[in-house]
Amino acid sequence: MKKVRERIGKITYQKVMAVLFLVFIFYIAAVMLPRTVDSAGTLYRDKSGILEVRDTVDEEYREMLEFQGALPKNKATYINLNGLMARLMGQRYVNERVKLDNGHLSYLYEKTDFSLDVLQMTKLSEKQKARGKHFLFVIAPNQNPKNRDILPAGYAEYSNQDADEMASRLRANGVSVLDLRDELINDGISWEDAFFVADHHWKPETGFWAYAKIIKRFEEMGVIEPADPKLTDIGEYNQTVYEDWFVGSSGIRTGYLYSGLDDFTLITPKFKTDLTYSNVPDTVMKRGSFDNVALGGAVAQKDYFNYGPYSIYGNGDQAFKRYTNPDAGADIKLLSIGDSFSNVPFAFLPLAISRCDELDMRYYDGDFASYYAQYAPDAVLVLINAGTLSQENTHYDFFGDLGEQSK
């Protein structure tokens, strides 16, 4: 009887190993074959159609990253299993994301020519100074720490090097710069605590911290009088933590069996607020408390691959936003320019400043020069992540003299 049991055990073990071997072979084929065909593309014209299949998969990934619509059937399962196999094999690079030594997933940022961006930011600053007004350029950190290298061997990226050089050039041109990478270091906040593991954005807690830093710098620059301390005191806000709630922009590429899941925090004031919001000029779309006006959507929707709760802050990405707060202590007009990275800190600015316009030049198709002349902002704030210094928000042709500047 004992021998029978041992024989059955051996047979079961052999079957399990056979299945694992087949899975491994399938994995290698799925990952390497399209790449092999791609590299051999100069020798023949993809008669097999494999490249067409791969391009379709890439297109589905791009659609999925926008958190729009349902995933193709069983796609999430495939991504998770692929990620699990990559994790078991100790793979450090999966679908355009690298796993840092601290376990976080990151982009690999290439070297950037940001000369035009420096010119455009300098031009905005000079326009403000000519009117006796204020300008502040804010560099937000990305997942790669400024003060230590945690990239795996054989990989390189240049975001911090570029950010250092851009900050130096802007300051040499007389532009006010707030480098939040240095502020993180000075405040003793680790990059691990500041960022999601599987999303490129900072955590809402870090975005709130950035908002407080901006308010403090505005006070130092004389843009506003000292704000009510409660506005920048996180203790005066509710913090509701949703555990294992967010798979992130990197996690949906690698699967959460590779990346893990992040907690997500909803931050709302304990004190009374009364704001208005619109994404159309001279129109009020929402009015009420911060919770109802500055947040768009419901965080209590758990759908890892089809919904990203980060986008609720500041009503998500919009070409134009306008907030008003008649009770704000600073009665000024602020123009803030940024992308999704700025959604969290920008969402809190209307608590301290009476009128806040926001532009995302990736989507804005109006005449900026006319808008700027009409709005006449007391302060202009540009917040850009260290990894994406050169983008539409920094090299946009704000005043129609781009061709002349680049000669």
Protein backbone atom coordinates (compact mmCIF):
# COMPACT_ATOMS: atom_id res chain seq x y z
CA MET A 1 0.00 0.00 0.00
CA LYS A 2 2.83 2.34 0.91
CA LYS A 3 4.51 1.71 -2.44
CA VAL A 4 1.26 2.50 -4.26
CA ARG A 5 0.99 5.84 -2.46
CA GLU A 6 4.60 6.67 -3.26
CA ARG A 7 4.03 5.79 -6.92
CA ILE A 8 0.92 7.99 -7.08
CA GLY A 9 2.91 10.80 -5.45
CA LYS A 10 5.66 10.48 -8.04
CA ILE A 11 3.14 10.50 -10.88
CA THR A 12 1.40 13.59 -9.48
CA TYR A 13 4.71 15.39 -9.03
CA GLN A 14 5.74 14.52 -12.58
CA LYS A 15 2.45 15.84 -13.94
CA VAL A 16 2.78 19.09 -12.00
CA MET A 17 6.32 19.60 -13.24
CA ALA A 18 5.23 18.82 -16.80
CA VAL A 19 2.47 21.42 -16.59
CA LEU A 20 4.87 24.00 -15.16
CA PHE A 21 7.35 23.24 -17.93
CA LEU A 22 4.68 23.75 -20.59
CA VAL A 23 3.62 27.02 -18.95
CA PHE A 24 7.25 28.12 -18.94
CA ILE A 25 7.65 27.27 -22.64
CA PHE A 26 4.43 29.12 -23.44
CA TYR A 27 5.65 32.11 -21.50
CA ILE A 28 8.98 32.23 -23.29
CA ALA A 29 7.24 31.90 -26.65
CA ALA A 30 4.68 34.59 -25.82
CA VAL A 31 7.36 37.03 -24.72
CA MET A 32 10.20 36.30 -27.10
CA LEU A 33 8.59 35.26 -30.38
CA PRO A 34 7.04 38.63 -31.21
CA ARG A 35 10.33 40.33 -30.37
CA THR A 36 12.23 37.86 -32.55
CA VAL A 37 9.84 38.42 -35.44
CA ASP A 38 10.12 42.16 -34.92
CA SER A 39 13.93 42.11 -35.02
CA ALA A 40 13.82 39.96 -38.15
CA GLY A 41 11.36 42.25 -39.85
CA THR A 42 13.95 43.52 -42.29
CA LEU A 43 14.40 40.01 -43.68
CA TYR A 44 10.79 39.27 -44.56
CA ARG A 45 7.33 40.82 -44.45
CA ASP A 46 5.58 39.30 -41.45
CA LYS A 47 3.69 36.66 -43.42
CA SER A 48 2.74 34.99 -40.15
CA GLY A 49 0.76 38.00 -38.91
CA ILE A 50 2.48 37.84 -35.51
CA LEU A 51 3.43 41.50 -35.59
CA GLU A 52 -0.18 42.39 -36.35
CA VAL A 53 -1.27 40.43 -33.27
CA ARG A 54 1.40 42.11 -31.15
CA ASP A 55 0.36 45.58 -32.35
CA THR A 56 -3.25 44.76 -31.47
CA VAL A 57 -2.16 43.78 -27.97
CA ASP A 58 -0.15 47.02 -27.65
CA GLU A 59 -3.21 49.00 -28.74
CA GLU A 60 -5.31 47.27 -26.12
CA TYR A 61 -2.70 48.17 -23.49
CA ARG A 62 -2.88 51.82 -24.50
CA GLU A 63 -6.67 51.82 -24.34
CA MET A 64 -6.52 50.10 -20.97
CA LEU A 65 -4.11 52.71 -19.58
CA GLU A 66 -6.73 55.38 -20.14
CA PHE A 67 -9.11 53.58 -17.77
CA GLN A 68 -11.87 53.73 -20.36
CA GLY A 69 -14.26 50.89 -21.06
CA ALA A 70 -13.99 47.24 -20.12
CA LEU A 71 -10.90 45.12 -20.68
CA PRO A 72 -10.87 42.60 -23.51
CA LYS A 73 -12.16 39.27 -22.22
CA ASN A 74 -9.64 37.47 -19.98
CA LYS A 75 -6.99 40.13 -20.63
CA ALA A 76 -6.56 40.94 -16.94
CA THR A 77 -6.05 37.25 -16.17
CA TYR A 78 -3.38 36.97 -18.85
CA ILE A 79 -1.58 40.09 -17.57
CA ASN A 80 -1.62 38.80 -14.00
CA LEU A 81 -0.33 35.34 -14.97
CA ASN A 82 2.36 36.88 -17.14
CA GLY A 83 3.36 39.09 -14.21
CA LEU A 84 3.39 36.16 -11.81
CA MET A 85 5.73 34.21 -14.07
CA ALA A 86 7.99 37.28 -14.41
CA ARG A 87 8.06 37.61 -10.64
CA LEU A 88 8.93 33.95 -10.12
CA MET A 89 11.75 34.30 -12.63
CA GLY A 90 13.11 37.42 -10.93
CA GLN A 91 12.52 39.56 -14.02
CA ARG A 92 13.28 43.26 -13.37
CA TYR A 93 11.83 44.73 -16.58
CA VAL A 94 8.25 44.01 -17.64
CA ASN A 95 6.24 45.78 -20.34
CA GLU A 96 8.18 49.07 -20.26
CA ARG A 97 8.46 49.21 -16.46
CA VAL A 98 11.56 48.50 -14.39
CA LYS A 99 11.42 47.24 -10.81
CA LEU A 100 13.64 49.40 -8.62
CA ASP A 101 15.62 47.98 -5.72
CA ASN A 102 12.90 49.17 -3.34
CA GLY A 103 10.24 47.17 -5.23
CA HIS A 104 8.58 50.19 -6.87
CA LEU A 105 7.89 50.15 -10.60
CA SER A 106 9.19 53.03 -12.67
CA TYR A 107 9.66 54.40 -16.15
CA LEU A 108 13.14 54.69 -17.60
CA TYR A 109 13.40 58.37 -18.51
CA GLU A 110 15.67 59.15 -21.44
CA LYS A 111 17.95 62.17 -21.75
CA THR A 112 15.92 65.19 -22.77
CA ASP A 113 16.70 68.40 -24.65
CA PHE A 114 14.71 70.98 -22.69
CA SER A 115 16.30 74.16 -24.07
CA LEU A 116 13.02 75.28 -25.59
CA ASP A 117 11.20 74.57 -22.33
CA VAL A 118 13.63 76.80 -20.41
CA LEU A 119 13.01 79.58 -22.94
CA GLN A 120 9.24 79.31 -22.63
CA MET A 121 9.25 79.19 -18.82
CA THR A 122 11.60 82.18 -18.75
CA LYS A 123 9.24 84.03 -21.09
CA LEU A 124 6.26 83.37 -18.80
CA SER A 125 8.27 84.54 -15.80
CA GLU A 126 9.36 87.72 -17.58
CA LYS A 127 5.78 88.49 -18.64
CA GLN A 128 4.69 88.28 -15.02
CA LYS A 129 7.59 90.41 -13.78
CA ALA A 130 6.86 93.06 -16.39
CA ARG A 131 3.39 93.37 -14.86
CA GLY A 132 4.78 93.47 -11.32
CA LYS A 133 3.36 90.00 -10.64
CA HIS A 134 4.71 86.58 -9.61
CA PHE A 135 5.86 83.33 -11.23
CA LEU A 136 6.90 80.03 -9.63
CA PHE A 137 8.23 76.91 -11.34
CA VAL A 138 7.84 73.74 -9.24
CA ILE A 139 9.78 70.53 -9.88
CA ALA A 140 7.97 67.51 -8.48
CA PRO A 141 9.92 64.31 -7.77
CA ASN A 142 9.33 61.05 -9.58
CA GLN A 143 9.82 57.53 -8.25
CA ASN A 144 13.58 57.59 -8.79
CA PRO A 145 15.22 59.20 -5.72
CA LYS A 146 17.51 62.16 -6.19
CA ASN A 147 19.79 61.17 -3.32
CA ARG A 148 20.49 57.52 -4.16
CA ASP A 149 20.61 55.09 -7.08
CA ILE A 150 18.18 52.18 -6.82
CA LEU A 151 18.09 51.11 -10.46
CA PRO A 152 18.99 47.47 -11.15
CA ALA A 153 22.38 46.83 -12.73
CA GLY A 154 22.48 47.51 -16.45
CA TYR A 155 19.72 50.14 -16.48
CA ALA A 156 19.99 53.92 -16.64
CA GLU A 157 17.64 56.90 -16.59
CA TYR A 158 18.27 60.64 -16.58
CA SER A 159 15.32 62.39 -14.91
CA ASN A 160 17.18 63.73 -11.89
CA GLN A 161 20.18 64.79 -13.93
CA ASP A 162 17.89 66.69 -16.32
CA ALA A 163 15.91 68.25 -13.46
CA ASP A 164 19.09 69.50 -11.80
CA GLU A 165 20.27 71.08 -15.03
CA MET A 166 16.89 72.64 -15.83
CA ALA A 167 16.58 74.10 -12.33
CA SER A 168 20.08 75.58 -12.68
CA ARG A 169 19.28 77.17 -16.05
CA LEU A 170 15.99 78.63 -14.88
CA ARG A 171 17.54 80.13 -11.74
CA ALA A 172 20.33 81.62 -13.87
CA ASN A 173 17.57 83.29 -15.91
CA GLY A 174 16.04 84.79 -12.78
CA VAL A 175 13.13 82.32 -12.54
CA SER A 176 11.86 81.35 -9.07
CA VAL A 177 12.15 77.57 -8.65
CA LEU A 178 10.79 75.32 -5.89
CA ASP A 179 12.46 71.91 -6.12
CA LEU A 180 10.32 69.47 -4.15
CA ARG A 181 12.95 66.76 -4.48
CA ASP A 182 15.17 68.78 -2.15
CA GLU A 183 12.21 69.47 0.13
CA LEU A 184 11.55 65.73 0.47
CA ILE A 185 15.15 65.19 1.51
CA ASN A 186 15.14 68.15 3.91
CA ASP A 187 11.92 66.92 5.56
CA GLY A 188 13.26 63.38 5.91
CA ILE A 189 10.50 61.86 3.75
CA SER A 190 11.56 58.71 1.93
CA TRP A 191 10.66 58.11 -1.70
CA GLU A 192 9.13 54.81 -0.57
CA ASP A 193 6.67 56.66 1.66
CA ALA A 194 6.01 59.39 -0.90
CA PHE A 195 5.03 57.22 -3.86
CA PHE A 196 2.72 54.41 -4.83
CA VAL A 197 4.49 51.14 -5.59
CA ALA A 198 2.71 50.47 -8.88
CA ASP A 199 1.72 53.94 -10.09
CA HIS A 200 3.98 56.76 -11.28
CA HIS A 201 2.11 59.44 -9.31
CA TRP A 202 2.84 60.48 -5.78
CA LYS A 203 0.42 59.47 -3.05
CA PRO A 204 -2.39 61.90 -2.16
CA GLU A 205 -0.63 62.49 1.17
CA THR A 206 2.48 63.64 -0.74
CA GLY A 207 0.39 65.78 -3.08
CA PHE A 208 -1.13 67.48 -0.02
CA TRP A 209 2.36 68.00 1.40
CA ALA A 210 3.34 69.62 -1.92
CA TYR A 211 0.33 71.94 -1.70
CA ALA A 212 1.48 73.06 1.77
CA LYS A 213 4.99 73.70 0.40
CA ILE A 214 3.60 75.83 -2.43
CA ILE A 215 1.52 77.90 -0.01
CA LYS A 216 4.59 78.42 2.19
CA ARG A 217 6.68 79.54 -0.80
CA PHE A 218 3.91 81.91 -1.91
CA GLU A 219 3.98 83.44 1.57
CA GLU A 220 7.79 83.84 1.38
CA MET A 221 7.54 85.44 -2.08
CA GLY A 222 4.87 87.88 -0.93
CA VAL A 223 2.26 86.43 -3.27
CA ILE A 224 -0.16 85.98 -0.36
CA GLU A 225 -0.34 86.93 3.30
CA PRO A 226 0.26 84.09 5.80
CA ALA A 227 -2.58 81.58 5.37
CA ASP A 228 -4.74 80.18 8.14
CA PRO A 229 -2.55 77.36 9.59
CA LYS A 230 -5.42 74.87 9.52
CA LEU A 231 -5.48 74.98 5.72
CA THR A 232 -2.09 73.26 5.46
CA ASP A 233 -2.32 71.13 8.62
CA ILE A 234 -3.07 67.53 7.65
CA GLY A 235 -4.46 67.04 11.15
CA GLU A 236 -7.37 69.27 10.15
CA TYR A 237 -8.36 66.84 7.40
CA ASN A 238 -10.11 63.47 7.35
CA GLN A 239 -7.95 60.69 5.92
CA THR A 240 -9.91 57.65 4.78
CA VAL A 241 -7.64 54.79 3.76
CA TYR A 242 -8.87 52.18 1.28
CA GLU A 243 -6.61 49.16 1.61
CA ASP A 244 -5.37 47.21 -1.45
CA TRP A 245 -7.46 49.51 -3.63
CA PHE A 246 -5.22 50.71 -6.43
CA VAL A 247 -3.34 48.70 -9.05
CA GLY A 248 -1.80 51.79 -10.71
CA SER A 249 -0.63 52.73 -14.20
CA SER A 250 2.35 50.38 -13.92
CA GLY A 251 0.38 47.60 -12.22
CA ILE A 252 -2.07 47.34 -15.10
CA ARG A 253 0.89 46.71 -17.38
CA THR A 254 2.57 44.09 -15.22
CA GLY A 255 -0.39 42.66 -13.30
CA TYR A 256 -0.82 42.96 -9.54
CA LEU A 257 0.67 39.50 -8.99
CA TYR A 258 3.93 41.14 -10.04
CA SER A 259 3.49 44.65 -8.65
CA GLY A 260 1.25 44.15 -5.63
CA LEU A 261 -1.58 46.52 -4.69
CA ASP A 262 -1.47 50.00 -3.19
CA ASP A 263 -3.64 51.55 -0.50
CA PHE A 264 -5.43 54.75 -1.51
CA THR A 265 -6.17 57.70 0.78
CA LEU A 266 -9.03 60.15 0.43
CA ILE A 267 -8.22 63.50 2.07
CA THR A 268 -11.08 65.92 2.85
CA PRO A 269 -11.30 68.97 5.16
CA LYS A 270 -12.87 68.65 8.60
CA PHE A 271 -13.78 72.34 8.45
CA LYS A 272 -16.58 73.97 6.45
CA THR A 273 -15.88 74.85 2.82
CA ASP A 274 -17.84 76.55 0.04
CA LEU A 275 -16.40 76.38 -3.48
CA THR A 276 -17.54 76.60 -7.08
CA TYR A 277 -16.09 74.69 -10.03
CA SER A 278 -16.35 74.73 -13.80
CA ASN A 279 -14.43 73.46 -16.78
CA VAL A 280 -16.09 76.07 -18.99
CA PRO A 281 -15.22 79.78 -18.55
CA ASP A 282 -17.84 81.99 -16.87
CA THR A 283 -20.03 79.02 -15.97
CA VAL A 284 -20.70 77.41 -12.58
CA MET A 285 -21.10 73.64 -12.84
CA LYS A 286 -20.79 72.66 -9.18
CA ARG A 287 -21.07 74.51 -5.90
CA GLY A 288 -20.72 73.25 -2.35
CA SER A 289 -18.18 71.60 -0.07
CA PHE A 290 -14.68 70.55 -1.10
CA ASP A 291 -15.85 66.92 -1.14
CA ASN A 292 -18.55 67.66 -3.72
CA VAL A 293 -16.72 70.27 -5.79
CA ALA A 294 -12.98 69.48 -5.89
CA LEU A 295 -13.41 65.73 -6.16
CA GLY A 296 -14.84 64.03 -9.22
CA GLY A 297 -16.09 60.47 -9.03
CA ALA A 298 -16.32 57.90 -6.26
CA VAL A 299 -13.26 56.33 -4.66
CA ALA A 300 -15.43 53.51 -3.30
CA GLN A 301 -15.45 51.81 -6.69
CA LYS A 302 -13.04 48.88 -6.70
CA ASP A 303 -12.14 47.84 -10.23
CA TYR A 304 -8.41 47.32 -10.55
CA PHE A 305 -8.02 47.32 -14.31
CA ASN A 306 -10.82 49.63 -15.44
CA TYR A 307 -10.90 52.42 -12.87
CA GLY A 308 -8.15 54.59 -11.36
CA PRO A 309 -9.20 56.39 -8.15
CA TYR A 310 -6.27 58.84 -8.45
CA SER A 311 -8.25 60.71 -11.11
CA ILE A 312 -10.93 61.86 -8.68
CA TYR A 313 -8.65 64.56 -7.25
CA GLY A 314 -9.20 67.89 -8.94
CA ASN A 315 -11.85 66.36 -11.23
CA GLY A 316 -9.17 64.58 -13.26
CA ASP A 317 -7.40 65.82 -16.37
CA GLN A 318 -9.14 68.78 -18.01
CA ALA A 319 -7.97 71.41 -20.50
CA PHE A 320 -9.43 74.15 -18.30
CA LYS A 321 -10.69 74.35 -14.71
CA ARG A 322 -11.88 77.28 -12.63
CA TYR A 323 -12.43 77.28 -8.87
CA THR A 324 -13.67 80.18 -6.78
CA ASN A 325 -13.79 80.55 -3.01
CA PRO A 326 -15.13 83.86 -1.68
CA ASP A 327 -14.08 82.89 1.85
CA ALA A 328 -10.40 82.31 0.97
CA GLY A 329 -7.91 84.45 2.83
CA ALA A 330 -5.90 85.31 -0.29
CA ASP A 331 -8.01 87.41 -2.66
CA ILE A 332 -5.90 86.95 -5.79
CA LYS A 333 -6.12 85.35 -9.21
CA LEU A 334 -3.87 82.31 -9.62
CA LEU A 335 -3.11 80.54 -12.89
CA SER A 336 -1.75 77.01 -12.41
CA ILE A 337 -0.35 74.97 -15.29
CA GLY A 338 0.27 71.24 -14.96
CA ASP A 339 -0.75 67.69 -15.83
CA SER A 340 -2.14 64.73 -13.89
CA PHE A 341 0.75 64.90 -11.44
CA SER A 342 -0.51 68.27 -10.24
CA ASN A 343 -4.15 67.23 -9.78
CA VAL A 344 -3.81 66.57 -6.04
CA PRO A 345 -1.96 69.73 -4.92
CA PHE A 346 -3.96 71.94 -7.28
CA ALA A 347 -7.22 70.57 -5.83
CA PHE A 348 -6.38 72.08 -2.43
CA LEU A 349 -5.18 75.50 -3.62
CA PRO A 350 -8.74 76.98 -3.78
CA LEU A 351 -9.00 76.51 -0.02
CA ALA A 352 -6.43 79.28 0.42
CA ILE A 353 -6.82 81.34 -2.79
CA SER A 354 -10.06 82.97 -3.91
CA ARG A 355 -9.78 82.37 -7.65
CA CYS A 356 -7.83 79.53 -9.22
CA ASP A 357 -7.70 78.83 -12.94
CA GLU A 358 -5.92 75.70 -14.13
CA LEU A 359 -4.70 74.81 -17.61
CA ASP A 360 -3.34 71.56 -19.00
CA MET A 361 -1.66 72.57 -22.23
CA ARG A 362 -1.75 68.95 -23.46
CA TYR A 363 -5.44 69.50 -24.13
CA TYR A 364 -5.91 73.27 -24.21
CA ASP A 365 -6.75 74.53 -27.71
CA GLY A 366 -7.67 78.14 -26.96
CA ASP A 367 -5.66 81.30 -27.57
CA PHE A 368 -3.46 81.45 -24.50
CA ALA A 369 -2.19 84.98 -25.12
CA SER A 370 -5.75 86.35 -25.25
CA TYR A 371 -6.79 84.33 -22.22
CA TYR A 372 -3.73 85.51 -20.27
CA ALA A 373 -4.35 89.16 -21.12
CA GLN A 374 -7.99 88.93 -20.07
CA TYR A 375 -7.44 86.91 -16.89
CA ALA A 376 -4.36 88.94 -15.82
CA PRO A 377 -3.20 86.52 -13.09
CA ASP A 378 -1.51 87.82 -9.97
CA ALA A 379 0.57 84.65 -9.89
CA VAL A 380 1.44 81.89 -12.37
CA LEU A 381 2.42 78.46 -11.07
CA VAL A 382 3.84 75.69 -13.27
CA LEU A 383 4.28 72.24 -11.68
CA ILE A 384 6.10 69.57 -13.68
CA ASN A 385 7.37 66.13 -12.72
CA ALA A 386 11.14 65.58 -12.92
CA GLY A 387 10.62 62.78 -15.43
CA THR A 388 8.55 64.81 -17.89
CA LEU A 389 10.20 68.24 -17.86
CA SER A 390 9.88 68.64 -21.61
CA GLN A 391 6.21 68.42 -22.56
CA GLU A 392 3.31 70.49 -23.87
CA ASN A 393 2.97 72.29 -20.53
CA THR A 394 6.52 73.66 -20.67
CA HIS A 395 7.27 74.18 -24.35
CA TYR A 396 3.82 75.32 -25.44
CA ASP A 397 3.93 78.41 -27.67
CA PHE A 398 2.31 80.65 -25.05
CA PHE A 399 2.70 83.98 -26.81
CA GLY A 400 3.08 82.99 -30.46
CA ASP A 401 6.81 83.67 -30.72
CA LEU A 402 8.08 80.11 -30.64
CA GLY A 403 9.63 80.22 -34.11
CA GLU A 404 11.40 83.47 -33.35
CA GLN A 405 12.84 82.13 -30.07
CA SER A 406 14.16 78.92 -31.61
CA LYS A 407 16.17 80.68 -34.36
